[in-house]
Amino acid sequence: MVDQYFGKFLCRVFSLFPERNQDPASQPSQILIMVISEMGSLVLAYPMLRFLRDRYPNAQLNALVLHRNREVLDLLGIVDKGNVLTIRVDSISVFLRDIFQVVRKLRRMKIDAVIDCELFARISSLFSFLSRAPIKIGFHPYTQEGLYRGNFINRPVLYNPYLHISQQFLNLAYALESNTVPNAKHPPPTERLEPPQIQFSVVENERFDKKLFDDYPQVRTRRLVLVYPSGGFLPIRAWPLANYIQLSKVLIEKGVSIGVIGLPADYSLGQQIVDSVGSEYCFNLAGYTQTVRDLLLLFQHADLLITNDGGPAHLSALVETPTIVFFGPESPGLYGPLLPNTYCFFIRLACSPCLTAYNHRNSPCDGDNQCLKRIGVQDVLGKVWEMLGTDGTGSLNR
């Protein structure tokens, strides 16, 4: 609400002081990248970060993210930890204090170019203006509806809902050396769209393995399938809970263990699945992993992850866990994970995808998300058997 109401007003005020378009920066020395909102977007932004590092080896890459997403950026290992700025959203007072401190630090850093990767948040656009960077790059609507984030972005890039977001992030990086109107008058980026692979030490693996096997010894004897039934901040993205329950029952009958993952706030949701399935081989792991690093260690034990569109779908790519993802309100063509062994279910109804940058992800749907409800359990089971390397007729015990 702060971003929607105060942000819109401030963007209009700041737009009264436009800046001319600067010449392309051939060798910027200080680049700020802002990927504030979601941790999954950080994984999708990795190809752009890698391009910037290779293209401008003498430049210092800086990043601005939410404090709760910082761990993902550190895991990617491409921005030095000392160059990461964070904002906390624990309360309005903490939020405002962090904003003041970040703006003050940005002005001392004398940023040459800001690359704003947000689609509809206005706070990042305001940071661009307040940084006083001579080059401000960000998505711009031009003549399209929505996405109003001020008119002070002097290197605007046309948002393209038909191009994968990782390629659009690369377009933002290309705009450092472009002066076309609109920017990105070139073929779609061809850089490798793949995330890094995270490696863990033997000691770290052994520590986590001991804890997991002590707490859930059934993982030793059965293949493990993880499910993420939460829709997070957007419940409309969730496959029906009844379908997760039915799917889990069938998999357990075939000799699989089911772990329900999620944040601590998802514990009651996970417990509904555990209670409905009623088997010792179905257990609630919501809140079990305290860090993203622990979650990735857990992913390494999984033979398959089945998830709604969200952070886990992208984080699983960092350890190459085979993944099935349910899309509907959003499109895999735009937000599909960067992993070859991922399968995205997506039924293209006349109204989907309905969560877009044009409506600020405020779907007109009444909650009856038929785009997900029409994905049948039997269809999903067929893909599960395929990805587990079986026809589903025999036991899947280890």
Protein backbone atom coordinates (compact mmCIF):
# COMPACT_ATOMS: atom_id res chain seq x y z
CA MET A 1 0.00 0.00 0.00
CA VAL A 2 2.89 2.37 0.77
CA ASP A 3 4.39 1.61 -2.64
CA GLN A 4 1.06 1.95 -4.45
CA TYR A 5 -0.11 5.25 -2.98
CA PHE A 6 2.91 7.16 -1.72
CA GLY A 7 5.12 5.66 -4.44
CA LYS A 8 2.87 6.85 -7.25
CA PHE A 9 2.73 10.35 -5.80
CA LEU A 10 6.51 10.57 -5.34
CA CYS A 11 7.18 9.24 -8.84
CA ARG A 12 5.03 12.04 -10.25
CA VAL A 13 6.79 14.66 -8.12
CA PHE A 14 10.27 13.46 -9.07
CA SER A 15 9.24 13.36 -12.73
CA LEU A 16 8.95 17.16 -12.59
CA PHE A 17 12.75 17.18 -12.62
CA PRO A 18 13.64 15.16 -15.74
CA GLU A 19 17.22 14.42 -16.68
CA ARG A 20 18.51 14.20 -20.22
CA ASN A 21 19.49 10.84 -21.64
CA GLN A 22 23.18 10.27 -20.97
CA ASP A 23 25.66 8.95 -23.49
CA PRO A 24 26.34 5.19 -23.33
CA ALA A 25 28.72 4.26 -20.54
CA SER A 26 31.58 2.35 -22.16
CA GLN A 27 33.32 1.47 -18.92
CA PRO A 28 31.23 2.24 -15.82
CA SER A 29 33.09 1.79 -12.56
CA GLN A 30 30.10 1.48 -10.21
CA ILE A 31 26.97 -0.44 -11.26
CA LEU A 32 23.96 -0.97 -8.99
CA ILE A 33 21.51 -3.81 -9.72
CA MET A 34 18.16 -3.81 -7.93
CA VAL A 35 16.19 -7.06 -7.66
CA ILE A 36 14.18 -6.28 -4.59
CA SER A 37 10.96 -8.26 -4.48
CA GLU A 38 11.34 -12.05 -4.86
CA MET A 39 14.16 -14.50 -4.23
CA GLY A 40 13.23 -16.52 -7.33
CA SER A 41 13.89 -13.43 -9.45
CA LEU A 42 17.47 -13.36 -8.16
CA VAL A 43 18.07 -16.80 -9.67
CA LEU A 44 16.47 -15.69 -12.93
CA ALA A 45 18.68 -12.59 -12.93
CA TYR A 46 21.89 -14.62 -12.70
CA PRO A 47 22.57 -14.65 -16.49
CA MET A 48 22.42 -10.84 -16.45
CA LEU A 49 24.76 -10.61 -13.46
CA ARG A 50 27.21 -12.96 -15.17
CA PHE A 51 27.05 -10.89 -18.36
CA LEU A 52 27.79 -7.67 -16.47
CA ARG A 53 30.74 -9.23 -14.67
CA ASP A 54 32.24 -10.50 -17.93
CA ARG A 55 31.46 -7.37 -19.96
CA TYR A 56 32.76 -4.91 -17.37
CA PRO A 57 35.49 -6.78 -15.48
CA ASN A 58 36.84 -3.59 -13.88
CA ALA A 59 33.47 -2.40 -12.62
CA GLN A 60 32.24 -2.96 -9.09
CA LEU A 61 28.89 -4.74 -9.08
CA ASN A 62 26.59 -3.65 -6.26
CA ALA A 63 23.15 -5.02 -5.45
CA LEU A 64 20.11 -3.85 -3.52
CA VAL A 65 17.75 -6.56 -2.24
CA LEU A 66 15.35 -7.20 0.60
CA HIS A 67 17.19 -8.41 3.68
CA ARG A 68 15.25 -11.69 3.70
CA ASN A 69 16.47 -12.45 0.13
CA ARG A 70 20.10 -11.67 0.72
CA GLU A 71 21.10 -15.28 1.36
CA VAL A 72 20.11 -16.27 -2.19
CA LEU A 73 22.27 -13.52 -3.66
CA ASP A 74 25.22 -14.62 -1.51
CA LEU A 75 24.75 -18.22 -2.67
CA LEU A 76 24.98 -17.12 -6.30
CA GLY A 77 28.47 -15.86 -5.49
CA ILE A 78 28.67 -13.18 -8.16
CA VAL A 79 28.32 -9.98 -6.10
CA ASP A 80 30.83 -9.49 -3.29
CA LYS A 81 29.15 -9.64 0.10
CA GLY A 82 30.52 -6.22 0.99
CA ASN A 83 28.75 -4.70 -2.02
CA VAL A 84 25.23 -5.83 -1.06
CA LEU A 85 22.74 -3.31 0.36
CA THR A 86 19.59 -4.57 2.07
CA ILE A 87 16.24 -3.24 3.22
CA ARG A 88 14.21 -4.76 6.03
CA VAL A 89 10.42 -4.68 6.04
CA ASP A 90 9.82 -5.80 9.65
CA SER A 91 7.99 -2.57 10.44
CA ILE A 92 7.36 0.81 8.87
CA SER A 93 9.93 2.47 11.14
CA VAL A 94 12.63 -0.07 10.27
CA PHE A 95 11.68 0.21 6.60
CA LEU A 96 12.01 4.01 6.56
CA ARG A 97 15.26 3.94 8.53
CA ASP A 98 16.82 1.46 6.11
CA ILE A 99 15.68 3.56 3.14
CA PHE A 100 17.40 6.63 4.57
CA GLN A 101 20.62 4.72 5.22
CA VAL A 102 20.63 3.10 1.76
CA VAL A 103 20.08 6.41 -0.04
CA ARG A 104 22.85 8.07 1.95
CA LYS A 105 25.25 5.24 1.14
CA LEU A 106 24.34 5.23 -2.56
CA ARG A 107 25.15 8.93 -2.86
CA ARG A 108 28.53 8.40 -1.24
CA MET A 109 29.28 5.54 -3.65
CA LYS A 110 28.75 7.76 -6.73
CA ILE A 111 26.98 5.12 -8.80
CA ASP A 112 27.52 5.41 -12.57
CA ALA A 113 24.55 3.31 -13.64
CA VAL A 114 21.50 1.82 -11.96
CA ILE A 115 19.80 -1.25 -13.45
CA ASP A 116 16.32 -1.60 -11.96
CA CYS A 117 14.93 -5.10 -12.55
CA GLU A 118 11.55 -4.52 -10.90
CA LEU A 119 8.45 -4.58 -13.08
CA PHE A 120 5.88 -2.77 -10.97
CA ALA A 121 7.43 -1.76 -7.63
CA ARG A 122 7.93 1.98 -7.43
CA ILE A 123 10.32 1.94 -4.50
CA SER A 124 13.18 0.74 -6.73
CA SER A 125 12.41 3.45 -9.29
CA LEU A 126 12.63 6.04 -6.54
CA PHE A 127 15.99 4.62 -5.47
CA SER A 128 17.18 5.13 -9.05
CA PHE A 129 16.30 8.81 -8.87
CA LEU A 130 17.73 9.35 -5.39
CA SER A 131 21.01 7.62 -6.24
CA ARG A 132 21.85 10.52 -8.61
CA ALA A 133 23.32 8.02 -11.05
CA PRO A 134 23.75 9.62 -14.50
CA ILE A 135 22.34 6.49 -16.17
CA LYS A 136 19.07 5.01 -14.91
CA ILE A 137 17.91 1.83 -16.66
CA GLY A 138 14.53 0.23 -16.06
CA PHE A 139 11.39 -1.14 -17.62
CA HIS A 140 9.07 1.47 -19.08
CA PRO A 141 5.53 1.19 -20.48
CA TYR A 142 5.95 3.72 -23.29
CA THR A 143 2.36 3.68 -24.65
CA GLN A 144 1.26 0.61 -22.69
CA GLU A 145 -1.04 0.71 -19.68
CA GLY A 146 0.24 0.14 -16.18
CA LEU A 147 3.82 0.11 -14.95
CA TYR A 148 3.87 3.85 -14.16
CA ARG A 149 7.11 4.36 -12.26
CA GLY A 150 8.01 7.93 -13.13
CA ASN A 151 9.46 9.59 -16.22
CA PHE A 152 13.00 10.00 -14.90
CA ILE A 153 14.32 6.64 -16.18
CA ASN A 154 16.63 8.01 -18.89
CA ARG A 155 17.52 4.63 -20.43
CA PRO A 156 14.07 3.00 -20.69
CA VAL A 157 13.61 -0.57 -21.88
CA LEU A 158 10.27 -1.73 -23.25
CA TYR A 159 8.78 -4.52 -21.11
CA ASN A 160 7.98 -7.51 -23.35
CA PRO A 161 5.55 -10.07 -21.83
CA TYR A 162 6.40 -12.54 -24.63
CA LEU A 163 10.09 -12.81 -23.74
CA HIS A 164 11.43 -14.83 -20.83
CA ILE A 165 12.24 -12.57 -17.90
CA SER A 166 15.90 -13.70 -17.84
CA GLN A 167 16.27 -12.41 -21.40
CA GLN A 168 14.52 -9.18 -20.44
CA PHE A 169 16.97 -8.71 -17.57
CA LEU A 170 19.76 -9.10 -20.12
CA ASN A 171 18.10 -6.42 -22.25
CA LEU A 172 18.45 -4.07 -19.29
CA ALA A 173 22.18 -4.79 -19.17
CA TYR A 174 22.50 -4.26 -22.93
CA ALA A 175 20.93 -0.81 -22.50
CA LEU A 176 24.18 0.41 -20.94
CA GLU A 177 25.58 0.65 -24.47
CA SER A 178 22.42 1.36 -26.43
CA ASN A 179 20.73 4.59 -27.47
CA THR A 180 17.87 3.28 -29.63
CA VAL A 181 14.26 4.21 -28.91
CA PRO A 182 12.98 2.00 -27.50
CA ASN A 183 16.05 0.15 -26.29
CA ALA A 184 16.55 -3.53 -27.13
CA LYS A 185 16.30 -3.18 -30.93
CA HIS A 186 18.27 -6.38 -31.41
CA PRO A 187 17.57 -10.13 -31.56
CA PRO A 188 16.65 -11.75 -28.21
CA PRO A 189 19.68 -12.33 -25.98
CA THR A 190 21.50 -15.59 -26.62
CA GLU A 191 23.60 -15.78 -23.44
CA ARG A 192 23.45 -19.05 -21.51
CA LEU A 193 20.27 -19.01 -19.45
CA GLU A 194 21.41 -21.25 -16.64
CA PRO A 195 22.06 -20.72 -12.93
CA PRO A 196 25.24 -21.72 -11.07
CA GLN A 197 25.47 -25.09 -9.34
CA ILE A 198 25.94 -24.79 -5.58
CA GLN A 199 28.49 -27.14 -4.03
CA PHE A 200 28.51 -28.01 -0.33
CA SER A 201 31.40 -29.25 1.74
CA VAL A 202 31.56 -32.85 2.97
CA VAL A 203 31.23 -31.65 6.56
CA GLU A 204 28.14 -29.58 5.75
CA ASN A 205 26.51 -32.48 3.92
CA GLU A 206 27.27 -34.89 6.74
CA ARG A 207 25.90 -32.51 9.36
CA PHE A 208 22.62 -32.06 7.54
CA ASP A 209 22.33 -35.77 6.64
CA LYS A 210 22.70 -36.82 10.26
CA LYS A 211 20.00 -34.40 11.40
CA LEU A 212 17.60 -35.41 8.61
CA PHE A 213 18.08 -39.17 9.10
CA ASP A 214 17.76 -38.87 12.87
CA ASP A 215 14.54 -36.88 12.57
CA TYR A 216 13.08 -38.80 9.62
CA PRO A 217 14.70 -42.26 9.32
CA GLN A 218 12.17 -43.28 6.65
CA VAL A 219 14.15 -41.13 4.18
CA ARG A 220 16.91 -43.78 4.28
CA THR A 221 14.74 -46.56 2.88
CA ARG A 222 12.41 -44.82 0.45
CA ARG A 223 12.78 -42.42 -2.43
CA LEU A 224 11.88 -38.88 -1.39
CA VAL A 225 9.45 -36.59 -3.18
CA LEU A 226 9.05 -33.06 -1.82
CA VAL A 227 5.87 -31.05 -2.35
CA TYR A 228 5.34 -27.33 -1.87
CA PRO A 229 1.55 -26.70 -1.66
CA SER A 230 1.63 -23.02 -0.62
CA GLY A 231 0.91 -20.16 -2.96
CA GLY A 232 2.91 -17.78 -0.78
CA PHE A 233 1.74 -14.18 -1.10
CA LEU A 234 -0.42 -15.18 -4.09
CA PRO A 235 -2.68 -18.11 -3.06
CA ILE A 236 -4.25 -18.10 -6.52
CA ARG A 237 -1.04 -19.75 -7.79
CA ALA A 238 -1.66 -22.91 -5.72
CA TRP A 239 -2.73 -26.26 -7.17
CA PRO A 240 -5.72 -27.53 -5.11
CA LEU A 241 -4.78 -28.98 -1.73
CA ALA A 242 -7.04 -31.99 -2.34
CA ASN A 243 -4.94 -32.84 -5.39
CA TYR A 244 -1.72 -32.74 -3.36
CA ILE A 245 -3.34 -35.10 -0.84
CA GLN A 246 -4.51 -37.54 -3.52
CA LEU A 247 -1.14 -37.44 -5.25
CA SER A 248 0.70 -38.06 -1.98
CA LYS A 249 -1.47 -41.07 -1.13
CA VAL A 250 -0.72 -42.73 -4.47
CA LEU A 251 3.01 -42.08 -4.23
CA ILE A 252 3.18 -43.46 -0.68
CA GLU A 253 1.36 -46.61 -1.82
CA LYS A 254 4.12 -47.01 -4.43
CA GLY A 255 6.86 -46.86 -1.79
CA VAL A 256 7.74 -43.15 -1.81
CA SER A 257 8.21 -40.84 1.18
CA ILE A 258 6.51 -37.44 0.95
CA GLY A 259 8.00 -34.34 2.59
CA VAL A 260 5.80 -31.23 2.67
CA ILE A 261 8.01 -28.14 2.59
CA GLY A 262 7.29 -24.48 3.23
CA LEU A 263 7.90 -21.54 5.52
CA PRO A 264 6.94 -21.71 9.23
CA ALA A 265 3.71 -19.92 8.30
CA ASP A 266 2.86 -22.88 6.03
CA TYR A 267 3.04 -25.44 8.86
CA SER A 268 -0.73 -25.74 9.32
CA LEU A 269 -1.18 -26.19 5.57
CA GLY A 270 1.42 -28.94 5.54
CA GLN A 271 -0.20 -30.59 8.53
CA GLN A 272 -3.50 -30.80 6.66
CA ILE A 273 -1.78 -32.96 4.05
CA VAL A 274 -0.03 -35.10 6.68
CA ASP A 275 -3.24 -35.66 8.66
CA SER A 276 -5.26 -36.46 5.54
CA VAL A 277 -2.70 -38.92 4.19
CA GLY A 278 -2.28 -40.60 7.58
CA SER A 279 1.03 -42.33 6.95
CA GLU A 280 4.37 -42.26 8.73
CA TYR A 281 5.91 -41.78 5.28
CA CYS A 282 4.28 -38.38 4.89
CA PHE A 283 5.84 -35.76 7.14
CA ASN A 284 5.63 -32.01 7.62
CA LEU A 285 8.88 -30.18 6.82
CA ALA A 286 7.37 -26.67 6.75
CA GLY A 287 9.78 -24.55 8.78
CA TYR A 288 12.24 -27.44 9.14
CA THR A 289 14.97 -25.75 7.15
CA GLN A 290 16.06 -22.53 8.81
CA THR A 291 18.03 -21.13 5.87
CA VAL A 292 17.98 -21.30 2.08
CA ARG A 293 21.25 -23.20 2.33
CA ASP A 294 19.55 -25.89 4.43
CA LEU A 295 16.69 -26.02 1.93
CA LEU A 296 19.17 -26.72 -0.88
CA LEU A 297 20.80 -29.45 1.22
CA LEU A 298 17.34 -30.99 1.59
CA PHE A 299 16.72 -30.68 -2.15
CA GLN A 300 19.84 -32.78 -2.74
CA HIS A 301 18.09 -35.72 -1.04
CA ALA A 302 14.95 -35.40 -3.16
CA ASP A 303 14.33 -37.52 -6.22
CA LEU A 304 11.67 -35.00 -7.29
CA LEU A 305 10.18 -31.67 -6.24
CA ILE A 306 6.51 -30.93 -7.02
CA THR A 307 5.70 -27.27 -6.47
CA ASN A 308 3.48 -24.35 -7.23
CA ASP A 309 5.05 -21.45 -9.11
CA GLY A 310 7.30 -19.71 -6.60
CA GLY A 311 10.73 -19.55 -5.00
CA PRO A 312 11.36 -23.31 -4.54
CA ALA A 313 10.86 -23.90 -8.27
CA HIS A 314 13.82 -21.64 -9.03
CA LEU A 315 15.99 -22.56 -6.06
CA SER A 316 15.86 -26.24 -7.01
CA ALA A 317 17.79 -25.33 -10.17
CA LEU A 318 20.80 -24.47 -8.02
CA VAL A 319 21.26 -28.15 -7.11
CA GLU A 320 19.65 -29.67 -10.25
CA THR A 321 16.75 -31.32 -8.44
CA PRO A 322 14.19 -32.64 -10.97
CA THR A 323 11.12 -30.44 -10.62
CA ILE A 324 7.47 -30.30 -11.65
CA VAL A 325 5.93 -26.81 -11.50
CA PHE A 326 2.29 -25.75 -11.76
CA PHE A 327 1.62 -22.57 -13.73
CA GLY A 328 -1.69 -20.91 -14.54
CA PRO A 329 -2.06 -17.34 -13.30
CA GLU A 330 1.47 -16.76 -14.60
CA SER A 331 3.20 -18.21 -17.66
CA PRO A 332 6.25 -20.51 -17.82
CA GLY A 333 7.13 -18.73 -21.05
CA LEU A 334 7.91 -15.70 -18.90
CA TYR A 335 8.90 -17.22 -15.55
CA GLY A 336 9.87 -20.82 -16.25
CA PRO A 337 12.80 -22.12 -14.12
CA LEU A 338 16.26 -22.22 -15.72
CA LEU A 339 16.73 -25.98 -15.49
CA PRO A 340 16.46 -28.60 -18.26
CA ASN A 341 15.04 -31.33 -15.98
CA THR A 342 11.98 -29.22 -15.10
CA TYR A 343 8.48 -29.82 -16.43
CA CYS A 344 5.90 -27.02 -16.27
CA PHE A 345 2.19 -27.83 -16.31
CA PHE A 346 0.31 -24.97 -17.94
CA ILE A 347 -3.23 -25.07 -19.32
CA ARG A 348 -3.73 -21.99 -21.44
CA LEU A 349 -7.26 -20.82 -20.73
CA ALA A 350 -8.69 -17.74 -22.43
CA CYS A 351 -8.13 -15.77 -19.22
CA SER A 352 -4.64 -16.97 -18.30
CA PRO A 353 -2.10 -15.78 -17.48
CA CYS A 354 -3.94 -13.16 -15.44
CA LEU A 355 -1.13 -11.96 -13.15
CA THR A 356 0.85 -9.44 -15.14
CA ALA A 357 2.91 -6.30 -14.79
CA TYR A 358 -0.01 -4.48 -16.38
CA ASN A 359 -2.36 -5.18 -13.47
CA HIS A 360 0.32 -5.07 -10.77
CA ARG A 361 -0.41 -8.76 -10.13
CA ASN A 362 -3.95 -8.01 -9.02
CA SER A 363 -5.82 -10.81 -10.73
CA PRO A 364 -9.51 -10.30 -11.64
CA CYS A 365 -10.09 -13.99 -10.76
CA ASP A 366 -12.69 -14.69 -8.04
CA GLY A 367 -10.46 -17.42 -6.60
CA ASP A 368 -11.83 -20.21 -8.78
CA ASN A 369 -8.48 -20.83 -10.48
CA GLN A 370 -9.63 -23.26 -13.17
CA CYS A 371 -6.25 -22.88 -14.88
CA LEU A 372 -4.83 -25.01 -12.04
CA LYS A 373 -7.87 -27.05 -11.07
CA ARG A 374 -7.99 -28.56 -14.57
CA ILE A 375 -4.52 -30.05 -14.15
CA GLY A 376 -5.52 -33.59 -13.20
CA VAL A 377 -3.80 -35.81 -10.66
CA GLN A 378 -3.50 -38.63 -13.20
CA ASP A 379 -1.76 -36.31 -15.65
CA VAL A 380 0.69 -35.29 -12.95
CA LEU A 381 1.28 -38.92 -11.94
CA GLY A 382 2.16 -39.77 -15.53
CA LYS A 383 4.87 -37.12 -15.51
CA VAL A 384 6.04 -38.23 -12.04
CA TRP A 385 6.56 -41.80 -13.26
CA GLU A 386 8.46 -40.50 -16.26
CA MET A 387 10.75 -38.28 -14.18
CA LEU A 388 11.35 -41.03 -11.62
CA GLY A 389 12.20 -43.46 -14.40
CA THR A 390 9.36 -45.94 -13.88
CA ASP A 391 6.01 -46.87 -15.36
CA GLY A 392 4.29 -46.66 -11.98
CA THR A 393 3.34 -50.33 -11.78
CA GLY A 394 5.98 -51.45 -9.28
CA SER A 395 7.32 -50.32 -5.94
CA LEU A 396 9.55 -47.24 -5.83
CA ASN A 397 11.43 -48.22 -2.67
CA ARG A 398 15.15 -47.51 -2.73
